[in-house]
Amino acid sequence: MEVTRDAEKPVVQALFWLAGLAKTRLTGTPEERAVQQAIAERLERAGYTVAWQPFRFAPHIYGGMAMHFGLALAFLWVGHYSFALSALGLAVVWVSFFVEATRRKHVLRKLWPTVATQNLLATLPSKGPLRRRIVLLAHADSAYTGFMFNPAVLKALAAPPPKALWFLRKQLALPMATLATLVVLQALASLGVYFAPTWLTSLLAIPVAIAFFANFDVLVRNTVVPGAADNLSGCAAQVILAEQWAKERPDGVEVVFAFTGAEEAGTGGAAHLASLAPNMWDRANTDVFVLDTLSNGDLYALEEGELYRVPQPPELLACAQAASREVAQKELSPYIIPAGATDALVFLINGYRAIALTCIDPVQHAPRNYHHPNDTAERVDPAQLDESTRIAWAMLTRRAAE
């Protein structure tokens, strides 16, 4: 990589340092742990108290989705022999995936084997009486890839639908809606009330089948990406922010830098941390900032929700927008997530104020090289990474001063 002013920025140097530690960082692997361990040692030298949170989690979110939608197709076939059993099975699949997609709990996914992984927490306590706590999260693991992450395919999938098809804005809303309809039709058939024609059930099964095959493809490929932008960029930013904060922290503010595991597996590390948070952190004085993919696009404040929209805390959105105007002289807009979630969603559903900053390429409708083998450190935009990090710093210091 040619050395430029941007390449000399501390956050860019931190990115290449982390990228040099491991080629990939799949959930529960030594590579994921190695990156977290190196960060822990560096932040201990900066004066932080380091803590580890071990937990177990099913490592393959795409395998879990393939399992759900594959079972749905199987139970639909069972309808040839028993409408009642088909309706029951489809209903169980629907409920199981709904509570998983909304980050409340796992049901059927508990059948999937788990692996041991961990969160890393680096804390700098408040000087004087505590008035505010700010928790920053960046996930350390990297993702699987598949056909749906081919840039051309992803561009079509992630593009906002026409206004008349607003219900397609959430990509999984359609297969979940057709699956719910199939539950009703099979239940009506079991009661002898209505027998849906084959063409109708086949039509309704198409979105479910597409969801199954798209995720099954990722499962059988079993290929992990480097994940430099997603999310070594966020980890690098947090390292630099943490070192700067140790030098300039104001009184009355505790800051926790969390480097979560299993985010790409379904926000597992954040879920574990959020389950422990009420015993550590008061919701009234705690804010959560998630830094996830800080390059390869324009910076946005994500609006969470995989199946439906979850409102952003207005005070955190206003803080992020003010920080963007201060640093980059441009407005930071909300961006509605079409699929998936960041670590922020878990904290939102657990009653905390939380918001995620992420870069989205306006042409690709996703970060460039998203979940793709090309997501290497050399392909991360250094200027955008530096700008995003400075915006995150401005957001942190603004919120700390409020």
Protein backbone atom coordinates (compact mmCIF):
# COMPACT_ATOMS: atom_id res chain seq x y z
CA MET A 1 0.00 0.00 0.00
CA GLU A 2 1.35 3.41 -0.96
CA VAL A 3 2.09 5.55 2.08
CA THR A 4 -0.05 8.69 2.21
CA ARG A 5 -1.03 11.19 4.87
CA ASP A 6 -4.15 9.14 5.56
CA ALA A 7 -2.12 5.93 5.83
CA GLU A 8 -0.02 7.58 8.53
CA LYS A 9 -3.06 8.25 10.69
CA PRO A 10 -2.99 6.31 14.00
CA VAL A 11 -6.31 4.58 13.30
CA VAL A 12 -5.10 3.34 9.91
CA GLN A 13 -1.90 2.05 11.49
CA ALA A 14 -4.02 0.30 14.14
CA LEU A 15 -6.14 -1.28 11.42
CA PHE A 16 -3.11 -2.77 9.66
CA TRP A 17 -1.69 -3.90 13.01
CA LEU A 18 -4.88 -5.82 13.78
CA ALA A 19 -5.18 -7.19 10.24
CA GLY A 20 -1.65 -8.56 10.53
CA LEU A 21 -2.60 -10.65 13.57
CA ALA A 22 -5.02 -12.99 11.79
CA LYS A 23 -6.34 -13.47 8.26
CA THR A 24 -9.88 -14.26 9.50
CA ARG A 25 -11.58 -14.28 12.90
CA LEU A 26 -14.47 -16.70 12.93
CA THR A 27 -16.50 -16.86 16.14
CA GLY A 28 -14.86 -19.08 18.73
CA THR A 29 -11.52 -19.45 16.96
CA PRO A 30 -8.01 -18.75 18.28
CA GLU A 31 -7.76 -15.96 15.70
CA GLU A 32 -10.73 -14.10 17.20
CA ARG A 33 -9.17 -14.46 20.65
CA ALA A 34 -5.72 -13.39 19.42
CA VAL A 35 -7.04 -10.06 18.16
CA GLN A 36 -8.89 -9.41 21.41
CA GLN A 37 -5.81 -10.43 23.45
CA ALA A 38 -3.56 -8.02 21.57
CA ILE A 39 -6.06 -5.21 22.15
CA ALA A 40 -6.28 -6.11 25.84
CA GLU A 41 -2.51 -5.88 26.28
CA ARG A 42 -2.34 -2.53 24.49
CA LEU A 43 -5.16 -0.98 26.51
CA GLU A 44 -3.75 -2.29 29.78
CA ARG A 45 -0.61 -0.35 28.98
CA ALA A 46 -2.82 2.74 28.50
CA GLY A 47 -4.18 2.33 32.04
CA TYR A 48 -7.38 0.39 31.46
CA THR A 49 -8.71 -2.38 33.65
CA VAL A 50 -9.35 -5.40 31.44
CA ALA A 51 -12.00 -8.06 32.03
CA TRP A 52 -13.00 -11.13 30.03
CA GLN A 53 -16.51 -12.50 29.68
CA PRO A 54 -16.49 -16.10 28.41
CA PHE A 55 -19.70 -17.53 26.97
CA ARG A 56 -20.91 -20.11 24.46
CA PHE A 57 -22.82 -19.39 21.29
CA ALA A 58 -23.98 -21.13 18.12
CA PRO A 59 -21.46 -19.82 15.57
CA HIS A 60 -23.39 -19.97 12.29
CA ILE A 61 -26.29 -17.52 11.88
CA TYR A 62 -26.74 -18.57 8.26
CA GLY A 63 -26.90 -22.20 9.28
CA GLY A 64 -29.55 -21.25 11.82
CA MET A 65 -31.60 -19.44 9.18
CA ALA A 66 -31.19 -22.32 6.72
CA MET A 67 -32.39 -24.67 9.45
CA HIS A 68 -35.49 -22.58 10.15
CA PHE A 69 -36.58 -22.10 6.55
CA GLY A 70 -35.60 -25.64 5.60
CA LEU A 71 -37.78 -27.00 8.40
CA ALA A 72 -40.60 -24.75 7.18
CA LEU A 73 -40.41 -26.34 3.73
CA ALA A 74 -40.32 -29.81 5.32
CA PHE A 75 -43.39 -29.13 7.46
CA LEU A 76 -45.20 -27.76 4.43
CA TRP A 77 -44.54 -31.10 2.70
CA VAL A 78 -45.89 -32.89 5.81
CA GLY A 79 -49.20 -31.22 4.96
CA HIS A 80 -49.71 -33.89 2.30
CA TYR A 81 -50.25 -36.33 5.17
CA SER A 82 -51.37 -34.22 8.15
CA PHE A 83 -52.58 -30.63 7.96
CA ALA A 84 -52.58 -30.35 11.75
CA LEU A 85 -48.97 -31.48 12.13
CA SER A 86 -47.96 -29.20 9.28
CA ALA A 87 -49.66 -26.19 10.87
CA LEU A 88 -48.09 -26.91 14.24
CA GLY A 89 -44.60 -27.35 12.82
CA LEU A 90 -44.84 -24.20 10.72
CA ALA A 91 -46.06 -22.24 13.73
CA VAL A 92 -43.13 -23.43 15.85
CA VAL A 93 -40.68 -22.40 13.12
CA TRP A 94 -42.32 -18.97 12.78
CA VAL A 95 -42.26 -18.27 16.52
CA SER A 96 -38.70 -19.56 16.89
CA PHE A 97 -37.36 -17.37 14.11
CA PHE A 98 -39.33 -14.33 15.24
CA VAL A 99 -37.89 -14.37 18.77
CA GLU A 100 -34.40 -15.01 17.36
CA ALA A 101 -34.58 -12.24 14.73
CA THR A 102 -35.82 -9.78 17.35
CA ARG A 103 -32.86 -10.79 19.54
CA ARG A 104 -34.93 -12.05 22.45
CA LYS A 105 -33.95 -15.72 22.69
CA HIS A 106 -33.07 -18.87 20.78
CA VAL A 107 -35.51 -21.77 20.45
CA LEU A 108 -34.78 -24.09 17.52
CA ARG A 109 -31.29 -22.69 17.19
CA LYS A 110 -30.45 -24.36 20.49
CA LEU A 111 -30.21 -27.52 18.39
CA TRP A 112 -27.12 -26.03 16.73
CA PRO A 113 -23.76 -26.83 18.42
CA THR A 114 -22.16 -23.99 20.36
CA VAL A 115 -18.55 -22.89 20.64
CA ALA A 116 -16.65 -21.09 23.38
CA THR A 117 -15.94 -17.43 22.73
CA GLN A 118 -15.60 -14.25 24.75
CA ASN A 119 -16.07 -10.52 25.15
CA LEU A 120 -13.26 -8.18 26.13
CA LEU A 121 -14.09 -5.17 28.31
CA ALA A 122 -11.58 -2.38 28.93
CA THR A 123 -12.76 0.11 31.57
CA LEU A 124 -11.48 3.45 32.76
CA PRO A 125 -13.40 4.43 35.90
CA SER A 126 -14.81 7.86 36.53
CA LYS A 127 -12.69 10.49 38.17
CA GLY A 128 -14.91 11.67 41.00
CA PRO A 129 -18.63 10.90 41.42
CA LEU A 130 -20.12 9.10 38.43
CA ARG A 131 -22.68 11.08 36.44
CA ARG A 132 -22.54 9.25 33.08
CA ARG A 133 -21.29 5.97 31.66
CA ILE A 134 -20.55 5.50 27.97
CA VAL A 135 -20.07 2.00 26.58
CA LEU A 136 -18.54 1.63 23.12
CA LEU A 137 -18.81 -1.69 21.29
CA ALA A 138 -16.99 -3.06 18.26
CA HIS A 139 -17.12 -6.73 17.31
CA ALA A 140 -13.89 -8.64 16.80
CA ASP A 141 -15.16 -11.56 14.71
CA SER A 142 -15.51 -11.78 10.93
CA ALA A 143 -18.30 -13.22 8.79
CA TYR A 144 -19.06 -16.06 6.41
CA THR A 145 -19.72 -15.27 2.75
CA GLY A 146 -21.83 -16.68 -0.07
CA PHE A 147 -23.59 -15.95 -3.34
CA MET A 148 -25.87 -13.33 -1.82
CA PHE A 149 -22.81 -11.24 -0.94
CA ASN A 150 -21.62 -11.04 -4.52
CA PRO A 151 -21.51 -7.25 -5.09
CA ALA A 152 -24.01 -7.33 -7.96
CA VAL A 153 -26.42 -9.57 -6.06
CA LEU A 154 -26.06 -7.61 -2.83
CA LYS A 155 -26.65 -4.33 -4.66
CA ALA A 156 -29.99 -5.64 -5.94
CA LEU A 157 -30.99 -7.18 -2.60
CA ALA A 158 -30.10 -4.18 -0.45
CA ALA A 159 -31.59 -1.52 -2.72
CA PRO A 160 -34.65 0.20 -1.21
CA PRO A 161 -37.83 -1.10 -2.86
CA PRO A 162 -40.34 1.13 -4.69
CA LYS A 163 -42.66 3.00 -2.35
CA ALA A 164 -45.58 0.78 -3.40
CA LEU A 165 -43.59 -2.22 -2.12
CA TRP A 166 -42.63 -0.64 1.19
CA PHE A 167 -43.21 -3.94 2.98
CA LEU A 168 -40.11 -5.35 1.24
CA ARG A 169 -37.83 -2.83 3.01
CA LYS A 170 -37.09 -5.51 5.58
CA GLN A 171 -35.82 -8.44 3.53
CA LEU A 172 -37.06 -11.16 5.87
CA ALA A 173 -40.50 -9.62 6.35
CA LEU A 174 -41.87 -11.24 3.18
CA PRO A 175 -40.84 -14.86 3.93
CA MET A 176 -42.07 -14.42 7.49
CA ALA A 177 -45.41 -13.04 6.23
CA THR A 178 -45.89 -15.86 3.73
CA LEU A 179 -44.87 -18.39 6.38
CA ALA A 180 -47.52 -17.00 8.75
CA THR A 181 -50.09 -17.25 5.94
CA LEU A 182 -49.15 -20.89 5.39
CA VAL A 183 -49.69 -21.57 9.10
CA VAL A 184 -53.22 -20.19 8.82
CA LEU A 185 -54.01 -22.10 5.61
CA GLN A 186 -52.77 -25.41 7.02
CA ALA A 187 -54.73 -24.83 10.23
CA LEU A 188 -57.90 -24.08 8.27
CA ALA A 189 -57.38 -27.25 6.23
CA SER A 190 -56.93 -29.31 9.42
CA LEU A 191 -60.34 -28.03 10.58
CA GLY A 192 -61.93 -28.75 7.20
CA VAL A 193 -62.82 -25.09 6.74
CA TYR A 194 -60.75 -24.26 3.65
CA PHE A 195 -58.39 -26.23 1.43
CA ALA A 196 -55.93 -23.93 -0.35
CA PRO A 197 -55.17 -24.83 -3.98
CA THR A 198 -51.71 -26.20 -4.67
CA TRP A 199 -50.75 -23.17 -6.75
CA LEU A 200 -51.39 -20.87 -3.79
CA THR A 201 -49.33 -22.83 -1.28
CA SER A 202 -46.55 -23.19 -3.87
CA LEU A 203 -46.57 -19.44 -4.51
CA LEU A 204 -46.42 -18.67 -0.79
CA ALA A 205 -43.55 -21.11 -0.37
CA ILE A 206 -41.31 -19.31 -2.89
CA PRO A 207 -40.00 -16.59 -0.50
CA VAL A 208 -39.37 -19.25 2.14
CA ALA A 209 -37.47 -21.36 -0.38
CA ILE A 210 -35.37 -18.40 -1.50
CA ALA A 211 -34.44 -17.63 2.12
CA PHE A 212 -33.50 -21.27 2.65
CA PHE A 213 -31.30 -21.64 -0.43
CA ALA A 214 -29.56 -18.26 0.05
CA ASN A 215 -28.52 -19.19 3.58
CA PHE A 216 -27.82 -22.85 2.77
CA ASP A 217 -25.38 -21.64 0.12
CA VAL A 218 -23.43 -19.72 2.77
CA LEU A 219 -23.48 -22.78 5.02
CA VAL A 220 -22.08 -25.23 2.46
CA ARG A 221 -19.45 -22.80 1.15
CA ASN A 222 -18.06 -22.48 4.68
CA THR A 223 -15.84 -19.54 3.67
CA VAL A 224 -14.83 -16.82 6.13
CA VAL A 225 -13.87 -13.31 5.01
CA PRO A 226 -10.99 -11.14 6.31
CA GLY A 227 -13.41 -8.55 7.70
CA ALA A 228 -11.08 -5.55 7.70
CA ALA A 229 -13.77 -2.90 7.28
CA ASP A 230 -16.29 -5.16 9.03
CA ASN A 231 -15.13 -4.83 11.71
CA LEU A 232 -11.44 -4.35 12.33
CA SER A 233 -12.15 -0.72 11.42
CA GLY A 234 -14.38 -0.37 14.48
CA CYS A 235 -11.87 -2.19 16.69
CA ALA A 236 -9.03 0.02 15.46
CA ALA A 237 -11.10 3.14 16.07
CA GLN A 238 -11.88 2.05 19.62
CA VAL A 239 -8.21 1.40 20.37
CA ILE A 240 -7.31 4.93 19.26
CA LEU A 241 -10.29 6.48 21.06
CA ALA A 242 -9.40 4.60 24.23
CA GLU A 243 -5.80 5.80 24.19
CA GLN A 244 -6.91 9.37 23.57
CA TRP A 245 -9.58 9.19 26.26
CA ALA A 246 -7.02 8.03 28.84
CA LYS A 247 -5.14 11.30 28.25
CA GLU A 248 -8.08 13.71 28.15
CA ARG A 249 -10.99 12.22 30.13
CA PRO A 250 -13.20 14.66 32.05
CA ASP A 251 -14.42 14.13 35.59
CA GLY A 252 -17.57 12.14 36.31
CA VAL A 253 -17.58 9.87 33.24
CA GLU A 254 -16.81 6.16 33.11
CA VAL A 255 -16.00 4.74 29.69
CA VAL A 256 -16.06 1.06 28.78
CA PHE A 257 -14.61 -0.16 25.48
CA ALA A 258 -16.10 -3.56 24.65
CA PHE A 259 -14.74 -5.82 21.91
CA THR A 260 -17.46 -8.40 21.44
CA GLY A 261 -17.31 -11.89 20.05
CA ALA A 262 -19.97 -13.70 18.00
CA GLU A 263 -21.56 -10.57 16.51
CA GLU A 264 -21.51 -12.08 13.02
CA ALA A 265 -23.06 -15.21 14.51
CA GLY A 266 -26.10 -13.20 15.64
CA THR A 267 -24.98 -10.49 18.11
CA GLY A 268 -24.04 -13.20 20.60
CA GLY A 269 -21.45 -11.20 22.53
CA ALA A 270 -23.73 -8.20 22.90
CA ALA A 271 -26.56 -10.47 24.04
CA HIS A 272 -24.35 -11.97 26.72
CA LEU A 273 -23.12 -8.54 27.81
CA ALA A 274 -26.65 -7.11 27.85
CA SER A 275 -27.83 -9.99 30.04
CA LEU A 276 -25.21 -9.02 32.63
CA ALA A 277 -25.47 -5.25 32.17
CA PRO A 278 -28.37 -4.56 34.59
CA ASN A 279 -26.16 -5.80 37.43
CA MET A 280 -23.33 -3.48 36.35
CA TRP A 281 -24.80 -0.44 34.63
CA ASP A 282 -27.77 1.75 35.47
CA ARG A 283 -29.91 2.32 32.36
CA ALA A 284 -30.60 5.91 33.42
CA ASN A 285 -26.98 7.09 33.10
CA THR A 286 -25.61 4.64 30.50
CA ASP A 287 -25.31 5.22 26.75
CA VAL A 288 -24.15 2.61 24.23
CA PHE A 289 -22.32 3.52 21.02
CA VAL A 290 -21.61 0.79 18.47
CA LEU A 291 -18.83 1.32 15.92
CA ASP A 292 -19.35 -1.20 13.13
CA THR A 293 -17.70 -0.80 9.70
CA LEU A 294 -16.31 2.74 9.73
CA SER A 295 -15.15 2.85 6.13
CA ASN A 296 -16.02 1.94 2.53
CA GLY A 297 -19.04 4.20 2.28
CA ASP A 298 -20.65 7.27 3.83
CA LEU A 299 -21.23 7.31 7.57
CA TYR A 300 -24.80 6.79 8.81
CA ALA A 301 -26.57 6.26 12.11
CA LEU A 302 -28.33 2.93 11.73
CA GLU A 303 -31.98 2.43 12.55
CA GLU A 304 -32.12 -1.11 13.93
CA GLY A 305 -34.63 -3.89 13.46
CA GLU A 306 -34.51 -7.02 11.32
CA LEU A 307 -38.28 -7.55 10.94
CA TYR A 308 -39.59 -4.12 11.93
CA ARG A 309 -38.15 -0.70 12.66
CA VAL A 310 -36.85 0.04 16.15
CA PRO A 311 -36.72 3.79 16.91
CA GLN A 312 -33.38 5.47 17.51
CA PRO A 313 -32.87 7.32 20.82
CA PRO A 314 -33.34 10.93 19.71
CA GLU A 315 -30.69 12.29 22.06
CA LEU A 316 -28.02 9.94 20.72
CA LEU A 317 -29.01 10.63 17.10
CA ALA A 318 -28.81 14.37 17.74
CA CYS A 319 -25.39 13.92 19.35
CA ALA A 320 -24.10 11.91 16.37
CA GLN A 321 -25.43 14.46 13.90
CA ALA A 322 -23.85 17.35 15.79
CA ALA A 323 -20.53 15.48 15.85
CA SER A 324 -20.71 14.91 12.08
CA ARG A 325 -21.42 18.58 11.43
CA GLU A 326 -18.51 19.58 13.66
CA VAL A 327 -15.94 17.23 12.10
CA ALA A 328 -17.06 16.71 8.51
CA GLN A 329 -19.39 19.67 7.90
CA LYS A 330 -22.10 17.33 6.66
CA GLU A 331 -25.32 15.88 8.00
CA LEU A 332 -25.29 12.33 9.29
CA SER A 333 -28.57 10.72 8.28
CA PRO A 334 -30.36 7.68 9.71
CA TYR A 335 -30.24 4.53 7.61
CA ILE A 336 -32.85 1.79 7.89
CA ILE A 337 -31.22 -1.64 8.12
CA PRO A 338 -32.74 -3.93 5.45
CA ALA A 339 -31.50 -7.14 7.10
CA GLY A 340 -29.49 -8.26 10.08
CA ALA A 341 -28.63 -6.17 13.11
CA THR A 342 -25.72 -4.69 15.00
CA ASP A 343 -24.87 -5.04 18.67
CA ALA A 344 -26.98 -1.93 19.31
CA LEU A 345 -30.26 -3.80 18.79
CA VAL A 346 -29.66 -6.10 21.75
CA PHE A 347 -29.17 -3.14 24.07
CA LEU A 348 -32.19 -1.30 22.69
CA ILE A 349 -34.52 -4.23 23.42
CA ASN A 350 -33.00 -4.42 26.90
CA GLY A 351 -33.97 -0.84 27.66
CA TYR A 352 -30.67 0.96 27.08
CA ARG A 353 -30.05 3.98 24.88
CA ALA A 354 -27.97 2.67 21.99
CA ILE A 355 -27.01 3.70 18.47
CA ALA A 356 -24.66 2.30 15.81
CA LEU A 357 -22.49 4.18 13.33
CA THR A 358 -21.84 2.37 10.03
CA CYS A 359 -20.64 3.30 6.55
CA ILE A 360 -22.96 2.56 3.61
CA ASP A 361 -21.95 3.02 -0.01
CA PRO A 362 -24.86 4.87 -1.68
CA VAL A 363 -24.41 2.93 -4.93
CA GLN A 364 -23.88 -0.50 -3.39
CA HIS A 365 -26.52 0.06 -0.64
CA ALA A 366 -24.08 -1.65 1.72
CA PRO A 367 -20.45 -1.11 2.70
CA ARG A 368 -18.13 -1.84 -0.20
CA ASN A 369 -16.76 -5.42 -0.02
CA TYR A 370 -19.39 -6.27 2.61
CA HIS A 371 -19.00 -9.90 3.73
CA HIS A 372 -16.76 -10.46 0.72
CA PRO A 373 -13.24 -11.93 0.42
CA ASN A 374 -12.10 -8.50 -0.83
CA ASP A 375 -12.69 -6.94 2.59
CA THR A 376 -8.98 -6.59 3.30
CA ALA A 377 -7.06 -3.79 5.00
CA GLU A 378 -5.63 -2.66 1.66
CA ARG A 379 -9.18 -2.04 0.38
CA VAL A 380 -10.34 0.01 3.36
CA ASP A 381 -10.69 3.71 2.55
CA PRO A 382 -8.20 5.31 4.98
CA ALA A 383 -9.61 8.82 4.66
CA GLN A 384 -13.13 7.69 5.55
CA LEU A 385 -11.86 5.56 8.43
CA ASP A 386 -10.01 8.54 9.87
CA GLU A 387 -13.02 10.83 9.42
CA SER A 388 -15.40 8.29 10.99
CA THR A 389 -13.05 7.88 13.95
CA ARG A 390 -12.89 11.64 14.48
CA ILE A 391 -16.71 11.81 14.36
CA ALA A 392 -16.88 9.03 16.94
CA TRP A 393 -14.47 10.98 19.15
CA ALA A 394 -16.55 14.13 18.82
CA MET A 395 -19.68 12.13 19.65
CA LEU A 396 -18.01 10.61 22.71
CA THR A 397 -16.73 13.91 24.08
CA ARG A 398 -20.00 15.73 23.35
CA ARG A 399 -22.04 13.12 25.19
CA ALA A 400 -19.57 13.09 28.05
CA ALA A 401 -19.96 16.85 28.44
CA GLU A 402 -23.78 16.80 28.49
